[in-house]
Amino acid sequence: MNGLLKKLWASSASLISAGFLMLAALAVALVGLIADPRTITGAPAWLKPAKFAISTGIYSFTIAWLLTYITIWPAAMRWMGRLIAGVIVAEVVLIDVQAARGVASHFNVTTPFNAALFSIMGAAIGLLLICSATIAIALFRQTFADRAWGWALRLGMTITVAGAALGGMMLGPTSTQLAELRATHHMATAGAHTVGAPDGGPGLPMTGWSLAHGDLRIPHFFGIHAVQIVPLFAWLLARFRPALSILQRTRLIQIGAAGYTAFVATMVWQALRGQSILDPDQATLIALATCAGATILAAISVAARKKTATSIHAAART
């Protein structure tokens, strides 16, 4: 573990520092969850700070780990790490400030001050997206000794960038908010993550995802964590199917990433139709089954080719 931390620190001391700061921020948020009874849009005031501390902490360590594989553009990659670390710390600090004040951090335009903080957070996330996309481009330019592993990192990061961009779908004012603006010349909230109802309704424990309506946070969540999930799938393939060739693993990783992308897209489609993740209709179930079926069939096809090739070689030797 000490060796890994030294390696990560060498790749980006800024990101590792930010990751440990997020652990401290999580501790503060956990104290707030216990000691502060206030709620914001129906959820405990310190739940969002806790979730963001966990998510951004994981992201900080993950990006530092990714940078250990990138040897091109060293100066640019150092700056990407510093900028991402700065954005993460600034974002969580602003979320904590608003939680301490007992007001919403996101979509809150009730006062010029709240609107300014929300705008700063939006600009920071835009910068984070640009930096993350730059790292994804570097991964495509980087040469890997293990081609399959290289594709896992590239595709995982690419899906993560796309998943992060899904957050932009939450920023536009809803029809209800626009109607309020027309009627009163004032808008307290600009944007929402719930589709089909105002934010703040009953939600799943911890995540807060809507139990009765669509929720854009769901595909956003699955999208941004592809950078951990796709490489994990690649590692499991290498660990438990060592007989697979590099070509076989590469194809399976590409198939898995495509299937995962289709799953995230289905979650977007479901959310935009105002449908709860716990109450999928027939169309959603068919879409999910199609994604799963196509992914499994493609993977079986790759495995079948391997078995066929093995049989031919065995027959040739006899």
Protein backbone atom coordinates (compact mmCIF):
# COMPACT_ATOMS: atom_id res chain seq x y z
CA MET A 1 0.00 0.00 0.00
CA ASN A 2 2.84 2.38 0.81
CA GLY A 3 4.38 1.65 -2.58
CA LEU A 4 1.07 2.34 -4.33
CA LEU A 5 0.59 5.63 -2.47
CA LYS A 6 4.13 6.73 -3.39
CA LYS A 7 3.43 5.90 -7.02
CA LEU A 8 0.14 7.81 -6.97
CA TRP A 9 1.73 10.75 -5.17
CA ALA A 10 4.43 10.88 -7.85
CA SER A 11 1.78 10.88 -10.60
CA SER A 12 -0.22 13.74 -9.03
CA ALA A 13 0.36 15.00 -5.51
CA SER A 14 -2.51 17.47 -6.04
CA LEU A 15 -5.06 14.74 -6.72
CA ILE A 16 -3.92 12.59 -3.81
CA SER A 17 -4.08 15.61 -1.50
CA ALA A 18 -7.57 16.37 -2.79
CA GLY A 19 -8.59 12.76 -2.21
CA PHE A 20 -7.51 12.88 1.43
CA LEU A 21 -9.22 16.25 1.85
CA MET A 22 -12.42 14.60 0.62
CA LEU A 23 -12.04 11.98 3.36
CA ALA A 24 -11.91 14.84 5.87
CA ALA A 25 -14.93 16.47 4.18
CA LEU A 26 -16.79 13.17 4.48
CA ALA A 27 -16.05 13.07 8.20
CA VAL A 28 -17.47 16.58 8.58
CA ALA A 29 -20.57 15.61 6.58
CA LEU A 30 -21.12 12.50 8.70
CA VAL A 31 -21.01 14.61 11.85
CA GLY A 32 -23.51 16.96 10.22
CA LEU A 33 -25.83 14.06 9.39
CA ILE A 34 -25.83 13.05 13.05
CA ALA A 35 -25.94 16.49 14.69
CA ASP A 36 -27.90 18.65 12.22
CA PRO A 37 -31.62 17.79 11.93
CA ARG A 38 -32.33 20.24 9.10
CA THR A 39 -33.49 19.10 5.68
CA ILE A 40 -33.00 20.64 2.23
CA THR A 41 -35.46 19.72 -0.53
CA GLY A 42 -36.69 16.82 1.57
CA ALA A 43 -33.27 15.28 2.30
CA PRO A 44 -30.92 15.66 5.30
CA ALA A 45 -28.90 18.85 4.87
CA TRP A 46 -25.57 17.04 4.96
CA LEU A 47 -26.48 14.10 2.72
CA LYS A 48 -25.38 15.82 -0.50
CA PRO A 49 -22.02 16.93 1.00
CA ALA A 50 -21.43 13.34 2.11
CA LYS A 51 -22.26 11.90 -1.32
CA PHE A 52 -20.09 14.43 -3.13
CA ALA A 53 -17.17 13.85 -0.75
CA ILE A 54 -17.32 10.10 -1.47
CA SER A 55 -17.73 10.50 -5.23
CA THR A 56 -15.10 13.19 -5.72
CA GLY A 57 -12.66 11.41 -3.40
CA ILE A 58 -12.94 8.24 -5.46
CA TYR A 59 -12.55 10.27 -8.65
CA SER A 60 -9.42 12.00 -7.34
CA PHE A 61 -7.68 8.73 -6.53
CA THR A 62 -8.86 7.16 -9.80
CA ILE A 63 -7.51 9.96 -11.99
CA ALA A 64 -4.18 9.89 -10.12
CA TRP A 65 -4.06 6.15 -10.84
CA LEU A 66 -4.88 6.71 -14.53
CA LEU A 67 -2.07 9.25 -14.83
CA THR A 68 0.45 6.56 -13.85
CA TYR A 69 -0.25 4.96 -17.25
CA ILE A 70 0.21 8.14 -19.29
CA THR A 71 3.75 9.04 -20.28
CA ILE A 72 2.93 11.47 -23.12
CA TRP A 73 2.32 15.20 -22.58
CA PRO A 74 3.81 15.16 -19.04
CA ALA A 75 3.45 18.91 -18.40
CA ALA A 76 -0.14 18.96 -19.66
CA MET A 77 -1.06 15.92 -17.55
CA ARG A 78 0.41 17.53 -14.43
CA TRP A 79 -1.77 20.57 -15.06
CA MET A 80 -4.83 18.41 -15.67
CA GLY A 81 -4.28 16.79 -12.28
CA ARG A 82 -3.88 20.15 -10.55
CA LEU A 83 -6.95 21.64 -12.21
CA ILE A 84 -9.13 18.62 -11.43
CA ALA A 85 -7.97 18.66 -7.81
CA GLY A 86 -8.72 22.37 -7.52
CA VAL A 87 -12.18 22.00 -9.05
CA ILE A 88 -13.05 19.09 -6.77
CA VAL A 89 -12.02 20.93 -3.62
CA ALA A 90 -13.81 24.13 -4.66
CA GLU A 91 -17.01 22.25 -5.55
CA VAL A 92 -17.21 20.40 -2.24
CA VAL A 93 -16.34 23.52 -0.22
CA LEU A 94 -19.21 25.43 -1.86
CA ILE A 95 -21.61 22.54 -1.31
CA ASP A 96 -20.60 22.41 2.37
CA VAL A 97 -21.02 26.19 2.73
CA GLN A 98 -24.57 25.99 1.40
CA ALA A 99 -25.36 22.98 3.60
CA ALA A 100 -24.13 24.90 6.66
CA ARG A 101 -26.41 27.78 5.64
CA GLY A 102 -29.32 25.36 5.30
CA VAL A 103 -29.98 26.12 1.63
CA ALA A 104 -29.73 24.14 -1.60
CA SER A 105 -26.42 24.31 -3.43
CA HIS A 106 -27.61 23.20 -6.87
CA PHE A 107 -30.25 24.98 -8.98
CA ASN A 108 -30.60 27.62 -6.25
CA VAL A 109 -31.10 31.12 -7.72
CA THR A 110 -33.22 32.57 -4.91
CA THR A 111 -30.73 35.39 -4.26
CA PRO A 112 -27.85 36.91 -6.25
CA PHE A 113 -25.40 35.29 -3.82
CA ASN A 114 -26.92 31.82 -4.21
CA ALA A 115 -27.10 32.25 -7.99
CA ALA A 116 -23.45 33.31 -8.08
CA LEU A 117 -22.34 30.25 -6.12
CA PHE A 118 -24.36 27.99 -8.42
CA SER A 119 -22.80 29.66 -11.46
CA ILE A 120 -19.31 29.16 -10.03
CA MET A 121 -20.05 25.48 -9.45
CA GLY A 122 -21.33 25.15 -13.01
CA ALA A 123 -18.20 26.78 -14.45
CA ALA A 124 -16.00 24.56 -12.28
CA ILE A 125 -17.73 21.42 -13.51
CA GLY A 126 -17.30 22.62 -17.09
CA LEU A 127 -13.56 22.92 -16.46
CA LEU A 128 -13.54 19.46 -14.88
CA LEU A 129 -15.21 18.06 -17.98
CA ILE A 130 -12.60 19.65 -20.27
CA CYS A 131 -9.72 18.29 -18.16
CA SER A 132 -11.26 14.82 -18.05
CA ALA A 133 -11.77 14.83 -21.82
CA THR A 134 -8.12 15.82 -22.27
CA ILE A 135 -7.04 12.82 -20.21
CA ALA A 136 -9.29 10.58 -22.31
CA ILE A 137 -7.63 11.91 -25.48
CA ALA A 138 -4.19 11.27 -23.96
CA LEU A 139 -5.19 7.67 -23.22
CA PHE A 140 -6.07 7.18 -26.90
CA ARG A 141 -2.70 8.59 -27.90
CA GLN A 142 -0.81 6.54 -25.31
CA THR A 143 0.75 3.21 -26.32
CA PHE A 144 0.08 0.24 -24.00
CA ALA A 145 2.05 -2.99 -23.77
CA ASP A 146 -1.23 -4.77 -22.96
CA ARG A 147 -3.60 -3.66 -25.71
CA ALA A 148 -6.67 -4.99 -23.91
CA TRP A 149 -5.86 -3.04 -20.74
CA GLY A 150 -5.28 0.10 -22.77
CA TRP A 151 -8.73 -0.19 -24.32
CA ALA A 152 -10.29 -0.70 -20.89
CA LEU A 153 -8.80 2.56 -19.64
CA ARG A 154 -9.68 4.48 -22.80
CA LEU A 155 -13.27 3.30 -23.03
CA GLY A 156 -13.88 3.61 -19.29
CA MET A 157 -12.68 7.21 -19.28
CA THR A 158 -14.62 8.06 -22.44
CA ILE A 159 -17.89 6.78 -20.97
CA THR A 160 -17.12 8.69 -17.77
CA VAL A 161 -16.70 11.94 -19.69
CA ALA A 162 -20.01 11.32 -21.46
CA GLY A 163 -21.65 10.47 -18.13
CA ALA A 164 -20.34 13.68 -16.58
CA ALA A 165 -21.71 15.64 -19.54
CA LEU A 166 -25.17 14.23 -18.76
CA GLY A 167 -25.19 16.60 -15.79
CA GLY A 168 -25.83 19.39 -18.27
CA MET A 169 -29.28 17.93 -18.90
CA MET A 170 -30.27 18.93 -15.38
CA LEU A 171 -29.39 22.60 -15.76
CA GLY A 172 -32.21 23.82 -17.99
CA PRO A 173 -35.25 25.35 -16.24
CA THR A 174 -38.32 23.10 -16.23
CA SER A 175 -41.64 24.16 -17.74
CA THR A 176 -42.97 24.80 -14.23
CA GLN A 177 -40.01 27.03 -13.40
CA LEU A 178 -40.42 28.96 -16.65
CA ALA A 179 -44.12 29.42 -15.94
CA GLU A 180 -43.20 30.80 -12.51
CA LEU A 181 -40.78 33.21 -14.15
CA ARG A 182 -43.42 34.43 -16.59
CA ALA A 183 -46.01 34.86 -13.87
CA THR A 184 -43.88 36.44 -11.14
CA HIS A 185 -40.76 37.68 -12.99
CA HIS A 186 -38.79 35.67 -10.45
CA MET A 187 -37.44 32.13 -10.42
CA ALA A 188 -36.26 30.49 -7.21
CA THR A 189 -34.94 27.33 -8.84
CA ALA A 190 -33.33 26.84 -12.25
CA GLY A 191 -32.96 23.20 -13.23
CA ALA A 192 -33.81 19.86 -11.64
CA HIS A 193 -32.72 16.26 -11.54
CA THR A 194 -36.24 14.86 -11.19
CA VAL A 195 -38.35 14.50 -14.35
CA GLY A 196 -42.11 14.68 -13.96
CA ALA A 197 -42.21 16.26 -10.51
CA PRO A 198 -40.35 18.86 -8.41
CA ASP A 199 -37.19 17.78 -6.65
CA GLY A 200 -37.59 16.70 -3.06
CA GLY A 201 -40.07 13.84 -3.32
CA PRO A 202 -39.61 10.38 -1.76
CA GLY A 203 -36.28 8.87 -2.72
CA LEU A 204 -34.17 5.77 -2.33
CA PRO A 205 -32.20 5.64 0.93
CA MET A 206 -28.77 7.31 0.73
CA THR A 207 -28.95 8.10 -2.99
CA GLY A 208 -32.21 10.06 -2.84
CA TRP A 209 -33.13 8.85 -6.35
CA SER A 210 -36.82 9.43 -6.99
CA LEU A 211 -39.10 6.53 -6.12
CA ALA A 212 -42.00 7.75 -8.27
CA HIS A 213 -40.53 9.73 -11.17
CA GLY A 214 -37.60 9.90 -13.56
CA ASP A 215 -34.25 10.94 -12.13
CA LEU A 216 -31.32 12.06 -14.28
CA ARG A 217 -28.88 11.43 -11.45
CA ILE A 218 -29.15 7.69 -12.14
CA PRO A 219 -27.55 7.61 -15.62
CA HIS A 220 -25.19 10.37 -14.47
CA PHE A 221 -24.03 8.14 -11.61
CA PHE A 222 -23.55 5.02 -13.72
CA GLY A 223 -21.84 7.05 -16.44
CA ILE A 224 -19.24 8.75 -14.27
CA HIS A 225 -18.26 5.49 -12.59
CA ALA A 226 -17.45 3.70 -15.85
CA VAL A 227 -13.80 4.64 -15.33
CA GLN A 228 -13.79 2.22 -12.39
CA ILE A 229 -16.24 -0.39 -13.72
CA VAL A 230 -14.77 -1.05 -17.17
CA PRO A 231 -11.16 -1.52 -15.90
CA LEU A 232 -12.54 -3.73 -13.12
CA PHE A 233 -14.18 -5.92 -15.78
CA ALA A 234 -10.86 -6.03 -17.67
CA TRP A 235 -8.99 -7.02 -14.51
CA LEU A 236 -11.50 -9.80 -13.79
CA LEU A 237 -11.05 -11.14 -17.32
CA ALA A 238 -7.28 -11.22 -16.94
CA ARG A 239 -7.51 -12.71 -13.45
CA PHE A 240 -10.06 -15.47 -14.04
CA ARG A 241 -9.67 -16.11 -17.78
CA PRO A 242 -5.89 -16.05 -18.25
CA ALA A 243 -6.11 -18.42 -21.24
CA LEU A 244 -7.79 -15.71 -23.32
CA SER A 245 -5.53 -14.06 -25.87
CA ILE A 246 -4.99 -10.31 -25.88
CA LEU A 247 -7.23 -10.09 -28.94
CA GLN A 248 -9.98 -12.04 -27.17
CA ARG A 249 -9.79 -9.84 -24.09
CA THR A 250 -9.73 -6.70 -26.21
CA ARG A 251 -12.88 -7.73 -28.05
CA LEU A 252 -14.65 -8.69 -24.82
CA ILE A 253 -13.73 -5.37 -23.20
CA GLN A 254 -15.01 -3.47 -26.22
CA ILE A 255 -18.23 -5.49 -26.16
CA GLY A 256 -18.64 -4.93 -22.42
CA ALA A 257 -18.07 -1.19 -22.78
CA ALA A 258 -20.60 -1.01 -25.62
CA GLY A 259 -23.15 -2.90 -23.54
CA TYR A 260 -22.53 -0.62 -20.57
CA THR A 261 -22.97 2.45 -22.77
CA ALA A 262 -26.26 1.07 -24.05
CA PHE A 263 -27.37 0.49 -20.44
CA VAL A 264 -26.58 4.10 -19.50
CA ALA A 265 -28.41 5.34 -22.60
CA THR A 266 -31.44 3.27 -21.59
CA MET A 267 -31.34 4.83 -18.13
CA VAL A 268 -31.33 8.30 -19.75
CA TRP A 269 -34.32 7.34 -21.91
CA GLN A 270 -36.20 5.98 -18.92
CA ALA A 271 -35.52 9.07 -16.81
CA LEU A 272 -36.56 11.49 -19.56
CA ARG A 273 -39.92 9.72 -19.76
CA GLY A 274 -40.48 10.50 -16.08
CA GLN A 275 -40.27 6.85 -15.07
CA SER A 276 -38.88 5.64 -11.76
CA ILE A 277 -36.04 3.14 -11.89
CA LEU A 278 -38.12 0.91 -9.60
CA ASP A 279 -41.12 0.89 -11.93
CA PRO A 280 -39.88 0.20 -15.48
CA ASP A 281 -42.54 -0.22 -18.14
CA GLN A 282 -42.54 -2.86 -20.86
CA ALA A 283 -40.59 -0.68 -23.29
CA THR A 284 -37.79 -0.15 -20.76
CA LEU A 285 -37.62 -3.84 -19.91
CA ILE A 286 -37.45 -4.74 -23.61
CA ALA A 287 -34.66 -2.20 -24.14
CA LEU A 288 -32.68 -3.54 -21.18
CA ALA A 289 -33.21 -7.14 -22.30
CA THR A 290 -32.10 -6.26 -25.82
CA CYS A 291 -28.93 -4.59 -24.50
CA ALA A 292 -28.14 -7.56 -22.25
CA GLY A 293 -28.95 -10.11 -24.92
CA ALA A 294 -26.88 -8.44 -27.63
CA THR A 295 -23.93 -8.07 -25.24
CA ILE A 296 -24.09 -11.71 -24.14
CA LEU A 297 -24.46 -13.03 -27.69
CA ALA A 298 -21.50 -10.96 -28.88
CA ALA A 299 -19.39 -12.22 -25.97
CA ILE A 300 -20.39 -15.83 -26.70
CA SER A 301 -19.42 -15.29 -30.32
CA VAL A 302 -15.93 -14.24 -29.26
CA ALA A 303 -15.61 -17.26 -26.96
CA ALA A 304 -16.89 -19.60 -29.69
CA ARG A 305 -14.24 -18.35 -32.10
CA LYS A 306 -11.59 -19.15 -29.52
CA LYS A 307 -12.90 -22.68 -29.01
CA THR A 308 -13.13 -23.26 -32.75
CA ALA A 309 -9.56 -22.06 -33.26
CA THR A 310 -8.34 -24.32 -30.44
CA SER A 311 -10.09 -27.34 -31.97
CA ILE A 312 -8.57 -26.67 -35.40
CA HIS A 313 -5.06 -26.38 -33.94
CA ALA A 314 -5.56 -29.59 -31.95
CA ALA A 315 -6.77 -31.44 -35.05
CA ALA A 316 -3.79 -30.15 -37.04
CA ARG A 317 -1.36 -31.46 -34.43
CA THR A 318 -2.90 -34.93 -34.58
